[in-house]
């Protein structure tokens, strides 16, 4: 009987210890970083770091807030023309009432990454024949491809996708945002 009481007390003590440690974490249930404070105190040039599973733009450009970063595969992200299960990440940034998504996928090498960009161009031209909505722009010293489409919803707003090859990474920046907002995150990535 004494052993069972001692075991119950030990379990209760461990439960209390785990509960107290969660209260002392200063997390307050909020897992996002206050980037507006970080932006005002950090004057360094923004850049993205990629360690195989995560990329973040640090510091986040003024007006933007990092909402989340998650591991993704290209085939599950509905990228026009890309059906391979490339491993990567996607960072979600909020600005005003819009979201910008910065995604980077690991490929074998630079030639393979460029081939995926061409696959996206070919698929886009097949889906929207006769349009001149694929252009080349400069992003961080790379020739990036800009896709422009008009949404079919009631707003009839333009949607933008920027993509380029940076080394062995396929980079895609898009979202329901303006071109300037998408370009800001793309340039801040330094990829």
N, C-alpha and C. Protein backbone atom coordinates (compact mmCIF):
# COMPACT_ATOMS: atom_id res chain seq x y z
N UNK A 1 0.82 -1.18 0.00
CA UNK A 1 0.00 0.00 0.00
C UNK A 1 0.87 1.25 0.00
N UNK A 2 1.98 1.22 0.81
CA UNK A 2 2.86 2.37 0.88
C UNK A 2 3.49 2.65 -0.48
N UNK A 3 3.85 1.60 -1.23
CA UNK A 3 4.48 1.80 -2.53
C UNK A 3 3.52 2.44 -3.51
N UNK A 4 2.25 2.05 -3.49
CA UNK A 4 1.29 2.63 -4.44
C UNK A 4 1.02 4.10 -4.10
N UNK A 5 0.99 4.45 -2.81
CA UNK A 5 0.80 5.86 -2.42
C UNK A 5 2.02 6.67 -2.83
N UNK A 6 3.21 6.11 -2.62
CA UNK A 6 4.43 6.78 -3.02
C UNK A 6 4.47 6.99 -4.54
N UNK A 7 4.03 6.00 -5.31
CA UNK A 7 3.99 6.11 -6.76
C UNK A 7 3.00 7.19 -7.19
N UNK A 8 1.84 7.25 -6.59
CA UNK A 8 0.84 8.27 -6.91
C UNK A 8 1.38 9.65 -6.58
N UNK A 9 2.05 9.80 -5.43
CA UNK A 9 2.62 11.10 -5.06
C UNK A 9 3.73 11.51 -6.03
N UNK A 10 4.54 10.56 -6.46
CA UNK A 10 5.61 10.86 -7.41
C UNK A 10 5.03 11.33 -8.74
N UNK A 11 3.99 10.67 -9.22
CA UNK A 11 3.33 11.08 -10.47
C UNK A 11 2.71 12.46 -10.32
N UNK A 12 2.06 12.72 -9.20
CA UNK A 12 1.46 14.04 -8.95
C UNK A 12 2.54 15.11 -8.92
N UNK A 13 3.67 14.84 -8.28
CA UNK A 13 4.77 15.80 -8.22
C UNK A 13 5.31 16.11 -9.61
N UNK A 14 5.49 15.08 -10.43
CA UNK A 14 5.98 15.28 -11.79
C UNK A 14 4.99 16.09 -12.62
N UNK A 15 3.70 15.84 -12.45
CA UNK A 15 2.68 16.60 -13.18
C UNK A 15 2.73 18.08 -12.80
N UNK A 16 2.87 18.36 -11.51
CA UNK A 16 2.97 19.75 -11.04
C UNK A 16 4.24 20.40 -11.58
N UNK A 17 5.35 19.68 -11.59
CA UNK A 17 6.62 20.22 -12.10
C UNK A 17 6.51 20.57 -13.57
N UNK A 18 5.89 19.71 -14.35
CA UNK A 18 5.71 19.98 -15.78
C UNK A 18 4.81 21.19 -15.97
N UNK A 19 3.74 21.30 -15.21
CA UNK A 19 2.83 22.45 -15.30
C UNK A 19 3.51 23.75 -14.94
N UNK A 20 4.31 23.75 -13.89
CA UNK A 20 5.02 24.96 -13.46
C UNK A 20 6.06 25.35 -14.51
N UNK A 21 6.75 24.38 -15.09
CA UNK A 21 7.78 24.72 -16.09
C UNK A 21 7.15 25.39 -17.30
N UNK A 22 5.92 25.00 -17.68
CA UNK A 22 5.22 25.65 -18.78
C UNK A 22 4.85 27.08 -18.45
N UNK A 23 4.53 27.36 -17.20
CA UNK A 23 4.18 28.72 -16.79
C UNK A 23 5.39 29.63 -16.76
N UNK A 24 6.56 29.10 -16.52
CA UNK A 24 7.77 29.91 -16.42
C UNK A 24 8.47 30.11 -17.75
N UNK A 25 7.88 29.65 -18.84
CA UNK A 25 8.52 29.69 -20.15
C UNK A 25 8.45 31.05 -20.82
N UNK A 26 7.69 32.01 -20.29
CA UNK A 26 7.49 33.33 -20.89
C UNK A 26 6.87 33.24 -22.27
N UNK A 27 6.26 32.13 -22.60
CA UNK A 27 5.68 31.94 -23.91
C UNK A 27 4.31 32.59 -24.00
N UNK A 28 3.55 32.53 -22.93
CA UNK A 28 2.21 33.10 -22.84
C UNK A 28 1.30 32.62 -23.97
N UNK A 29 1.59 31.46 -24.53
CA UNK A 29 0.77 30.92 -25.59
C UNK A 29 1.00 31.55 -26.93
N UNK A 30 1.93 32.44 -27.06
CA UNK A 30 2.17 33.13 -28.32
C UNK A 30 3.51 32.68 -28.87
N UNK A 31 3.48 31.94 -29.99
CA UNK A 31 4.72 31.42 -30.56
C UNK A 31 5.31 32.30 -31.63
N UNK A 32 4.74 33.48 -31.88
CA UNK A 32 5.30 34.35 -32.91
C UNK A 32 6.19 35.39 -32.27
N UNK A 33 7.15 35.85 -33.02
CA UNK A 33 8.09 36.85 -32.54
C UNK A 33 7.55 38.22 -32.86
N UNK A 34 7.76 39.17 -31.96
CA UNK A 34 7.34 40.53 -32.22
C UNK A 34 8.36 41.16 -33.15
N UNK A 35 8.10 41.06 -34.45
CA UNK A 35 9.06 41.51 -35.43
C UNK A 35 9.11 43.02 -35.56
N UNK A 36 8.04 43.73 -35.17
CA UNK A 36 8.10 45.18 -35.28
C UNK A 36 9.13 45.75 -34.32
N UNK A 37 9.26 45.16 -33.14
CA UNK A 37 10.31 45.58 -32.21
C UNK A 37 11.67 45.21 -32.77
N UNK A 38 11.77 44.00 -33.32
CA UNK A 38 13.02 43.53 -33.89
C UNK A 38 13.47 44.43 -35.03
N UNK A 39 12.53 44.90 -35.86
CA UNK A 39 12.89 45.75 -36.99
C UNK A 39 13.44 47.09 -36.55
N UNK A 40 12.92 47.65 -35.47
CA UNK A 40 13.37 48.98 -35.07
C UNK A 40 14.74 48.94 -34.40
N UNK A 41 15.12 47.79 -33.86
CA UNK A 41 16.40 47.74 -33.17
C UNK A 41 17.49 47.07 -33.98
N UNK A 42 17.13 46.38 -35.05
CA UNK A 42 18.11 45.66 -35.84
C UNK A 42 18.22 46.32 -37.21
N UNK A 43 19.33 46.97 -37.49
CA UNK A 43 19.52 47.68 -38.74
C UNK A 43 20.30 46.88 -39.75
N UNK A 44 20.49 45.59 -39.54
CA UNK A 44 21.26 44.79 -40.48
C UNK A 44 20.43 44.53 -41.73
N UNK A 45 21.10 44.15 -42.80
CA UNK A 45 20.44 43.85 -44.06
C UNK A 45 19.68 42.55 -43.93
N UNK A 46 18.40 42.53 -44.38
CA UNK A 46 17.64 41.28 -44.30
C UNK A 46 18.26 40.22 -45.18
N UNK A 47 18.12 38.99 -44.77
CA UNK A 47 18.53 37.87 -45.61
C UNK A 47 17.81 36.62 -45.13
N UNK A 48 17.74 35.65 -46.01
CA UNK A 48 17.10 34.39 -45.66
C UNK A 48 18.19 33.37 -45.39
N UNK A 49 17.96 32.53 -44.40
CA UNK A 49 18.89 31.44 -44.13
C UNK A 49 18.16 30.14 -44.43
N UNK A 50 18.85 29.20 -45.03
CA UNK A 50 18.25 27.93 -45.41
C UNK A 50 19.13 26.83 -44.85
N UNK A 51 18.57 26.02 -43.97
CA UNK A 51 19.36 24.93 -43.40
C UNK A 51 18.77 23.56 -43.76
N UNK A 52 18.06 23.52 -44.86
CA UNK A 52 17.47 22.26 -45.30
C UNK A 52 16.01 22.13 -44.96
N UNK A 53 15.58 22.74 -43.86
CA UNK A 53 14.18 22.61 -43.49
C UNK A 53 13.53 23.94 -43.15
N UNK A 54 14.28 25.01 -43.05
CA UNK A 54 13.70 26.26 -42.57
C UNK A 54 14.36 27.44 -43.24
N UNK A 55 13.58 28.42 -43.59
CA UNK A 55 14.13 29.67 -44.09
C UNK A 55 13.36 30.80 -43.43
N UNK A 56 14.06 31.80 -43.05
CA UNK A 56 13.41 32.99 -42.51
C UNK A 56 14.12 34.22 -43.05
N UNK A 57 13.37 35.29 -43.24
CA UNK A 57 13.94 36.56 -43.63
C UNK A 57 14.20 37.32 -42.35
N UNK A 58 15.44 37.69 -42.12
CA UNK A 58 15.79 38.33 -40.85
C UNK A 58 16.70 39.52 -41.10
N UNK A 59 16.31 40.71 -40.70
CA UNK A 59 15.03 41.04 -40.09
C UNK A 59 13.93 41.10 -41.15
N UNK A 60 12.70 40.93 -40.70
CA UNK A 60 11.55 41.02 -41.58
C UNK A 60 11.42 42.48 -42.02
N UNK A 61 11.17 42.73 -43.30
CA UNK A 61 11.04 44.12 -43.76
C UNK A 61 9.94 44.87 -43.02
N UNK A 62 10.09 46.14 -42.92
CA UNK A 62 9.13 46.99 -42.21
C UNK A 62 7.72 46.77 -42.74
N UNK A 63 6.79 46.60 -41.84
CA UNK A 63 5.39 46.39 -42.20
C UNK A 63 5.00 44.94 -42.34
N UNK A 64 5.96 44.04 -42.44
CA UNK A 64 5.68 42.62 -42.58
C UNK A 64 5.81 41.92 -41.23
N UNK A 65 5.10 40.82 -41.07
CA UNK A 65 5.20 40.01 -39.86
C UNK A 65 5.29 38.54 -40.27
N UNK A 66 6.27 37.83 -39.71
CA UNK A 66 6.38 36.40 -39.97
C UNK A 66 5.30 35.68 -39.17
N UNK A 67 4.43 34.97 -39.87
CA UNK A 67 3.35 34.24 -39.21
C UNK A 67 3.75 32.81 -38.88
N UNK A 68 4.39 32.13 -39.83
CA UNK A 68 4.74 30.73 -39.61
C UNK A 68 5.71 30.27 -40.68
N UNK A 69 6.41 29.20 -40.37
CA UNK A 69 7.26 28.52 -41.35
C UNK A 69 6.95 27.04 -41.22
N UNK A 70 6.74 26.38 -42.36
CA UNK A 70 6.48 24.94 -42.27
C UNK A 70 7.19 24.21 -43.39
N UNK A 71 7.48 22.94 -43.15
CA UNK A 71 8.06 22.08 -44.17
C UNK A 71 6.97 21.72 -45.17
N UNK A 72 7.32 21.75 -46.45
CA UNK A 72 6.36 21.44 -47.50
C UNK A 72 7.05 20.61 -48.58
N UNK A 73 6.25 20.03 -49.46
CA UNK A 73 6.77 19.40 -50.66
C UNK A 73 6.10 20.07 -51.86
N UNK A 74 6.83 20.19 -52.94
CA UNK A 74 6.35 20.94 -54.10
C UNK A 74 5.07 20.34 -54.68
N UNK A 75 4.96 19.02 -54.67
CA UNK A 75 3.78 18.39 -55.27
C UNK A 75 2.50 18.66 -54.49
N UNK A 76 2.60 19.04 -53.24
CA UNK A 76 1.41 19.32 -52.44
C UNK A 76 1.07 20.80 -52.38
N UNK A 77 1.88 21.64 -53.01
CA UNK A 77 1.65 23.09 -52.95
C UNK A 77 0.98 23.64 -54.20
N UNK A 78 0.54 22.78 -55.10
CA UNK A 78 -0.16 23.19 -56.32
C UNK A 78 0.63 24.20 -57.14
N UNK A 79 1.91 23.92 -57.33
CA UNK A 79 2.76 24.76 -58.17
C UNK A 79 2.52 24.35 -59.61
N UNK A 80 2.16 25.31 -60.43
CA UNK A 80 1.82 25.04 -61.81
C UNK A 80 2.96 24.34 -62.54
N UNK A 81 2.73 23.08 -62.94
CA UNK A 81 3.71 22.33 -63.70
C UNK A 81 4.64 21.46 -62.88
N UNK A 82 4.77 21.71 -61.59
CA UNK A 82 5.71 20.93 -60.76
C UNK A 82 4.92 19.86 -60.02
N UNK A 83 5.19 18.61 -60.36
CA UNK A 83 4.47 17.50 -59.73
C UNK A 83 5.39 16.62 -58.89
N UNK A 84 6.69 16.95 -58.86
CA UNK A 84 7.64 16.16 -58.08
C UNK A 84 7.58 16.53 -56.61
N UNK A 85 7.92 15.58 -55.76
CA UNK A 85 7.88 15.79 -54.31
C UNK A 85 9.19 16.39 -53.82
N UNK A 86 9.50 17.60 -54.30
CA UNK A 86 10.71 18.28 -53.82
C UNK A 86 10.50 18.73 -52.39
N UNK A 87 11.47 18.47 -51.53
CA UNK A 87 11.37 18.90 -50.14
C UNK A 87 11.75 20.37 -50.03
N UNK A 88 11.06 21.06 -49.16
CA UNK A 88 11.36 22.48 -48.96
C UNK A 88 10.65 23.04 -47.76
N UNK A 89 10.46 24.33 -47.76
CA UNK A 89 9.83 25.05 -46.67
C UNK A 89 8.97 26.12 -47.29
N UNK A 90 8.08 26.67 -46.52
CA UNK A 90 7.32 27.84 -46.92
C UNK A 90 7.19 28.74 -45.71
N UNK A 91 7.55 30.00 -45.88
CA UNK A 91 7.39 31.00 -44.83
C UNK A 91 6.21 31.88 -45.17
N UNK A 92 5.36 32.15 -44.19
CA UNK A 92 4.16 32.95 -44.39
C UNK A 92 4.36 34.31 -43.74
N UNK A 93 4.23 35.35 -44.54
CA UNK A 93 4.42 36.72 -44.06
C UNK A 93 3.13 37.50 -44.27
N UNK A 94 2.76 38.29 -43.28
CA UNK A 94 1.56 39.13 -43.38
C UNK A 94 1.98 40.58 -43.54
N UNK A 95 1.26 41.30 -44.39
CA UNK A 95 1.45 42.73 -44.56
C UNK A 95 0.08 43.31 -44.89
N UNK A 96 -0.30 44.34 -44.13
CA UNK A 96 -1.64 44.92 -44.27
C UNK A 96 -2.67 43.80 -44.20
N UNK A 97 -3.51 43.66 -45.22
CA UNK A 97 -4.50 42.59 -45.23
C UNK A 97 -4.13 41.49 -46.20
N UNK A 98 -2.84 41.32 -46.46
CA UNK A 98 -2.37 40.36 -47.46
C UNK A 98 -1.38 39.38 -46.85
N UNK A 99 -1.19 38.28 -47.55
CA UNK A 99 -0.18 37.29 -47.17
C UNK A 99 0.78 37.08 -48.32
N UNK A 100 2.05 36.92 -48.00
CA UNK A 100 3.07 36.60 -48.99
C UNK A 100 3.73 35.30 -48.55
N UNK A 101 3.91 34.39 -49.48
CA UNK A 101 4.49 33.08 -49.19
C UNK A 101 5.84 32.97 -49.88
N UNK A 102 6.87 32.72 -49.12
CA UNK A 102 8.22 32.50 -49.64
C UNK A 102 8.53 31.03 -49.49
N UNK A 103 8.69 30.34 -50.62
CA UNK A 103 8.96 28.91 -50.58
C UNK A 103 10.28 28.62 -51.26
N UNK A 104 11.02 27.66 -50.73
CA UNK A 104 12.29 27.23 -51.32
C UNK A 104 12.32 25.71 -51.31
N UNK A 105 12.65 25.14 -52.45
CA UNK A 105 12.67 23.69 -52.61
C UNK A 105 14.07 23.23 -52.99
N UNK A 106 14.51 22.16 -52.39
CA UNK A 106 15.83 21.58 -52.65
C UNK A 106 15.78 20.77 -53.93
N UNK A 107 16.69 21.08 -54.87
CA UNK A 107 16.82 20.29 -56.09
C UNK A 107 18.24 19.70 -56.12
N UNK A 108 18.54 18.95 -57.16
CA UNK A 108 19.86 18.30 -57.26
C UNK A 108 20.98 19.30 -57.49
N UNK A 109 20.73 20.29 -58.36
CA UNK A 109 21.76 21.28 -58.70
C UNK A 109 21.10 22.48 -59.37
N UNK A 110 21.91 23.44 -59.80
CA UNK A 110 21.37 24.66 -60.41
C UNK A 110 20.65 24.36 -61.73
N UNK A 111 21.18 23.44 -62.52
CA UNK A 111 20.53 23.10 -63.80
C UNK A 111 19.14 22.51 -63.56
N UNK A 112 19.02 21.68 -62.54
CA UNK A 112 17.73 21.09 -62.21
C UNK A 112 16.75 22.16 -61.73
N UNK A 113 17.22 23.08 -60.90
CA UNK A 113 16.36 24.17 -60.43
C UNK A 113 15.87 25.01 -61.60
N UNK A 114 16.77 25.32 -62.54
CA UNK A 114 16.37 26.09 -63.73
C UNK A 114 15.38 25.32 -64.59
N UNK A 115 15.54 23.99 -64.66
CA UNK A 115 14.61 23.17 -65.43
C UNK A 115 13.21 23.23 -64.83
N UNK A 116 13.10 23.29 -63.49
CA UNK A 116 11.79 23.42 -62.86
C UNK A 116 11.16 24.77 -63.18
N UNK A 117 11.96 25.84 -63.23
CA UNK A 117 11.44 27.15 -63.62
C UNK A 117 10.88 27.06 -65.03
N UNK A 118 11.61 26.42 -65.93
CA UNK A 118 11.13 26.28 -67.31
C UNK A 118 9.86 25.43 -67.36
N UNK A 119 9.77 24.41 -66.53
CA UNK A 119 8.55 23.60 -66.46
C UNK A 119 7.37 24.46 -66.05
N UNK A 120 7.58 25.35 -65.08
CA UNK A 120 6.51 26.25 -64.65
C UNK A 120 6.09 27.19 -65.78
N UNK A 121 7.08 27.70 -66.54
CA UNK A 121 6.79 28.60 -67.66
C UNK A 121 5.96 27.86 -68.71
N UNK A 122 6.39 26.66 -69.06
CA UNK A 122 5.69 25.88 -70.08
C UNK A 122 4.25 25.57 -69.65
N UNK A 123 4.06 25.18 -68.39
CA UNK A 123 2.73 24.86 -67.89
C UNK A 123 1.84 26.10 -67.88
N UNK A 124 2.42 27.23 -67.52
CA UNK A 124 1.65 28.48 -67.48
C UNK A 124 1.21 28.88 -68.89
N UNK A 125 2.13 28.79 -69.85
CA UNK A 125 1.79 29.16 -71.23
C UNK A 125 0.75 28.21 -71.82
N UNK A 126 0.80 26.95 -71.41
CA UNK A 126 -0.21 26.00 -71.88
C UNK A 126 -1.58 26.31 -71.28
N UNK A 127 -1.59 26.72 -70.02
CA UNK A 127 -2.85 27.03 -69.34
C UNK A 127 -3.43 28.36 -69.82
N UNK A 128 -2.57 29.33 -70.15
CA UNK A 128 -3.00 30.65 -70.59
C UNK A 128 -2.39 30.96 -71.96
N UNK A 129 -2.81 30.27 -73.01
CA UNK A 129 -2.20 30.47 -74.33
C UNK A 129 -2.52 31.86 -74.89
N UNK A 130 -1.56 32.39 -75.63
CA UNK A 130 -1.78 33.67 -76.30
C UNK A 130 -1.67 34.89 -75.42
N UNK A 131 -1.29 34.71 -74.17
CA UNK A 131 -1.14 35.87 -73.28
C UNK A 131 0.34 36.19 -73.12
N UNK A 132 0.61 37.43 -72.84
CA UNK A 132 1.99 37.86 -72.60
C UNK A 132 2.17 38.17 -71.12
N UNK A 133 1.78 37.24 -70.27
CA UNK A 133 1.82 37.49 -68.83
C UNK A 133 2.97 36.77 -68.13
N UNK A 134 4.01 36.41 -68.90
CA UNK A 134 5.23 35.84 -68.33
C UNK A 134 6.37 36.76 -68.72
N UNK A 135 7.01 37.36 -67.73
CA UNK A 135 8.10 38.30 -68.01
C UNK A 135 9.32 37.94 -67.15
N UNK A 136 10.45 38.50 -67.52
CA UNK A 136 11.67 38.30 -66.76
C UNK A 136 12.00 39.58 -66.01
N UNK A 137 12.29 39.45 -64.72
CA UNK A 137 12.68 40.57 -63.87
C UNK A 137 13.95 40.18 -63.13
N UNK A 138 14.64 41.15 -62.57
CA UNK A 138 15.85 40.88 -61.80
C UNK A 138 15.52 40.84 -60.31
N UNK A 139 15.89 39.76 -59.65
CA UNK A 139 15.74 39.62 -58.19
C UNK A 139 17.08 39.14 -57.64
N UNK A 140 17.72 39.95 -56.84
CA UNK A 140 18.98 39.60 -56.18
C UNK A 140 20.03 39.06 -57.15
N UNK A 141 20.11 39.69 -58.32
CA UNK A 141 21.11 39.29 -59.31
C UNK A 141 20.73 38.09 -60.15
N UNK A 142 19.52 37.57 -59.98
CA UNK A 142 19.05 36.41 -60.75
C UNK A 142 17.99 36.87 -61.75
N UNK A 143 17.93 36.19 -62.88
CA UNK A 143 16.80 36.36 -63.78
C UNK A 143 15.64 35.59 -63.17
N UNK A 144 14.64 36.32 -62.72
CA UNK A 144 13.46 35.69 -62.13
C UNK A 144 12.31 35.78 -63.12
N UNK A 145 11.43 34.82 -63.07
CA UNK A 145 10.25 34.81 -63.92
C UNK A 145 9.06 35.30 -63.12
N UNK A 146 8.35 36.27 -63.70
CA UNK A 146 7.15 36.83 -63.09
C UNK A 146 5.94 36.36 -63.88
N UNK A 147 5.04 35.66 -63.18
CA UNK A 147 3.77 35.24 -63.77
C UNK A 147 2.69 36.18 -63.25
N UNK A 148 1.89 36.73 -64.16
CA UNK A 148 0.79 37.61 -63.77
C UNK A 148 -0.50 37.00 -64.28
N UNK A 149 -1.47 36.81 -63.41
CA UNK A 149 -2.79 36.31 -63.82
C UNK A 149 -3.85 37.17 -63.18
N UNK A 150 -5.03 37.14 -63.76
CA UNK A 150 -6.17 37.86 -63.20
C UNK A 150 -7.05 36.83 -62.51
N UNK A 151 -7.38 37.10 -61.25
CA UNK A 151 -8.21 36.15 -60.50
C UNK A 151 -9.60 36.08 -61.10
N UNK A 152 -10.24 34.95 -60.94
CA UNK A 152 -11.57 34.75 -61.49
C UNK A 152 -12.67 35.06 -60.48
N UNK A 153 -12.27 35.55 -59.30
CA UNK A 153 -13.29 35.87 -58.30
C UNK A 153 -13.89 37.25 -58.59
N UNK A 154 -14.72 37.72 -57.72
CA UNK A 154 -15.44 38.98 -57.94
C UNK A 154 -14.54 40.21 -57.93
N UNK A 155 -13.32 40.09 -57.39
CA UNK A 155 -12.46 41.26 -57.32
C UNK A 155 -11.70 41.52 -58.62
N UNK A 156 -11.55 40.52 -59.46
CA UNK A 156 -10.79 40.63 -60.72
C UNK A 156 -9.43 41.27 -60.50
N UNK A 157 -8.77 40.90 -59.44
CA UNK A 157 -7.46 41.47 -59.14
C UNK A 157 -6.36 40.62 -59.75
N UNK A 158 -5.22 41.26 -60.00
CA UNK A 158 -4.08 40.53 -60.55
C UNK A 158 -3.39 39.75 -59.44
N UNK A 159 -2.87 38.59 -59.79
CA UNK A 159 -2.10 37.77 -58.87
C UNK A 159 -0.72 37.56 -59.47
N UNK A 160 0.29 37.49 -58.59
CA UNK A 160 1.66 37.43 -59.05
C UNK A 160 2.38 36.23 -58.43
N UNK A 161 3.27 35.64 -59.22
CA UNK A 161 4.17 34.60 -58.75
C UNK A 161 5.55 34.94 -59.30
N UNK A 162 6.54 35.00 -58.42
CA UNK A 162 7.93 35.18 -58.80
C UNK A 162 8.66 33.87 -58.55
N UNK A 163 9.45 33.43 -59.49
CA UNK A 163 10.23 32.21 -59.28
C UNK A 163 11.60 32.34 -59.93
N UNK A 164 12.59 31.72 -59.31
CA UNK A 164 13.95 31.71 -59.87
C UNK A 164 14.74 30.58 -59.23
N UNK A 165 15.87 30.28 -59.88
CA UNK A 165 16.80 29.28 -59.37
C UNK A 165 17.93 30.00 -58.66
N UNK A 166 18.19 29.63 -57.43
CA UNK A 166 19.30 30.19 -56.65
C UNK A 166 20.16 29.01 -56.20
N UNK A 167 21.22 28.75 -56.94
CA UNK A 167 22.02 27.56 -56.65
C UNK A 167 21.18 26.33 -56.90
N UNK A 168 21.11 25.43 -55.94
CA UNK A 168 20.30 24.23 -56.09
C UNK A 168 18.91 24.37 -55.49
N UNK A 169 18.45 25.61 -55.28
CA UNK A 169 17.13 25.86 -54.71
C UNK A 169 16.20 26.44 -55.78
N UNK A 170 14.96 25.98 -55.78
CA UNK A 170 13.89 26.58 -56.57
C UNK A 170 13.14 27.50 -55.62
N UNK A 171 13.15 28.80 -55.90
CA UNK A 171 12.52 29.79 -55.02
C UNK A 171 11.23 30.25 -55.66
N UNK A 172 10.16 30.32 -54.88
CA UNK A 172 8.86 30.80 -55.35
C UNK A 172 8.31 31.76 -54.31
N UNK A 173 7.91 32.95 -54.74
CA UNK A 173 7.28 33.94 -53.86
C UNK A 173 5.94 34.31 -54.49
N UNK A 174 4.86 34.16 -53.73
CA UNK A 174 3.54 34.47 -54.26
C UNK A 174 2.57 34.76 -53.14
N UNK A 175 1.32 34.90 -53.50
CA UNK A 175 0.29 35.12 -52.51
C UNK A 175 -0.69 36.17 -52.95
N UNK A 176 -1.78 36.30 -52.22
CA UNK A 176 -2.77 37.34 -52.53
C UNK A 176 -2.26 38.70 -52.04
N UNK A 177 -1.31 39.25 -52.76
CA UNK A 177 -0.67 40.50 -52.37
C UNK A 177 -0.31 41.27 -53.62
N UNK A 178 0.12 42.49 -53.45
CA UNK A 178 0.54 43.30 -54.60
C UNK A 178 1.91 42.85 -55.08
N UNK A 179 2.25 43.25 -56.28
CA UNK A 179 3.57 42.90 -56.81
C UNK A 179 4.66 43.49 -55.93
N UNK A 180 4.49 44.73 -55.47
CA UNK A 180 5.51 45.36 -54.63
C UNK A 180 5.73 44.59 -53.33
N UNK A 181 4.65 44.08 -52.74
CA UNK A 181 4.78 43.31 -51.50
C UNK A 181 5.50 42.00 -51.75
N UNK A 182 5.18 41.33 -52.85
CA UNK A 182 5.84 40.08 -53.19
C UNK A 182 7.32 40.33 -53.49
N UNK A 183 7.59 41.40 -54.24
CA UNK A 183 8.97 41.73 -54.59
C UNK A 183 9.78 42.08 -53.34
N UNK A 184 9.17 42.75 -52.37
CA UNK A 184 9.87 43.12 -51.14
C UNK A 184 10.38 41.89 -50.41
N UNK A 185 9.53 40.88 -50.23
CA UNK A 185 9.96 39.65 -49.55
C UNK A 185 10.99 38.91 -50.40
N UNK A 186 10.80 38.88 -51.72
CA UNK A 186 11.76 38.20 -52.61
C UNK A 186 13.14 38.83 -52.47
N UNK A 187 13.22 40.16 -52.51
CA UNK A 187 14.51 40.83 -52.41
C UNK A 187 15.10 40.71 -51.02
N UNK A 188 14.25 40.75 -49.99
CA UNK A 188 14.74 40.64 -48.61
C UNK A 188 15.31 39.27 -48.31
N UNK A 189 14.89 38.27 -49.07
CA UNK A 189 15.39 36.90 -48.84
C UNK A 189 16.88 36.79 -49.16
N UNK A 190 17.39 37.64 -50.04
CA UNK A 190 18.78 37.59 -50.51
C UNK A 190 19.11 36.26 -51.16
N UNK A 191 18.13 35.48 -51.51
CA UNK A 191 18.35 34.21 -52.19
C UNK A 191 18.50 34.46 -53.68
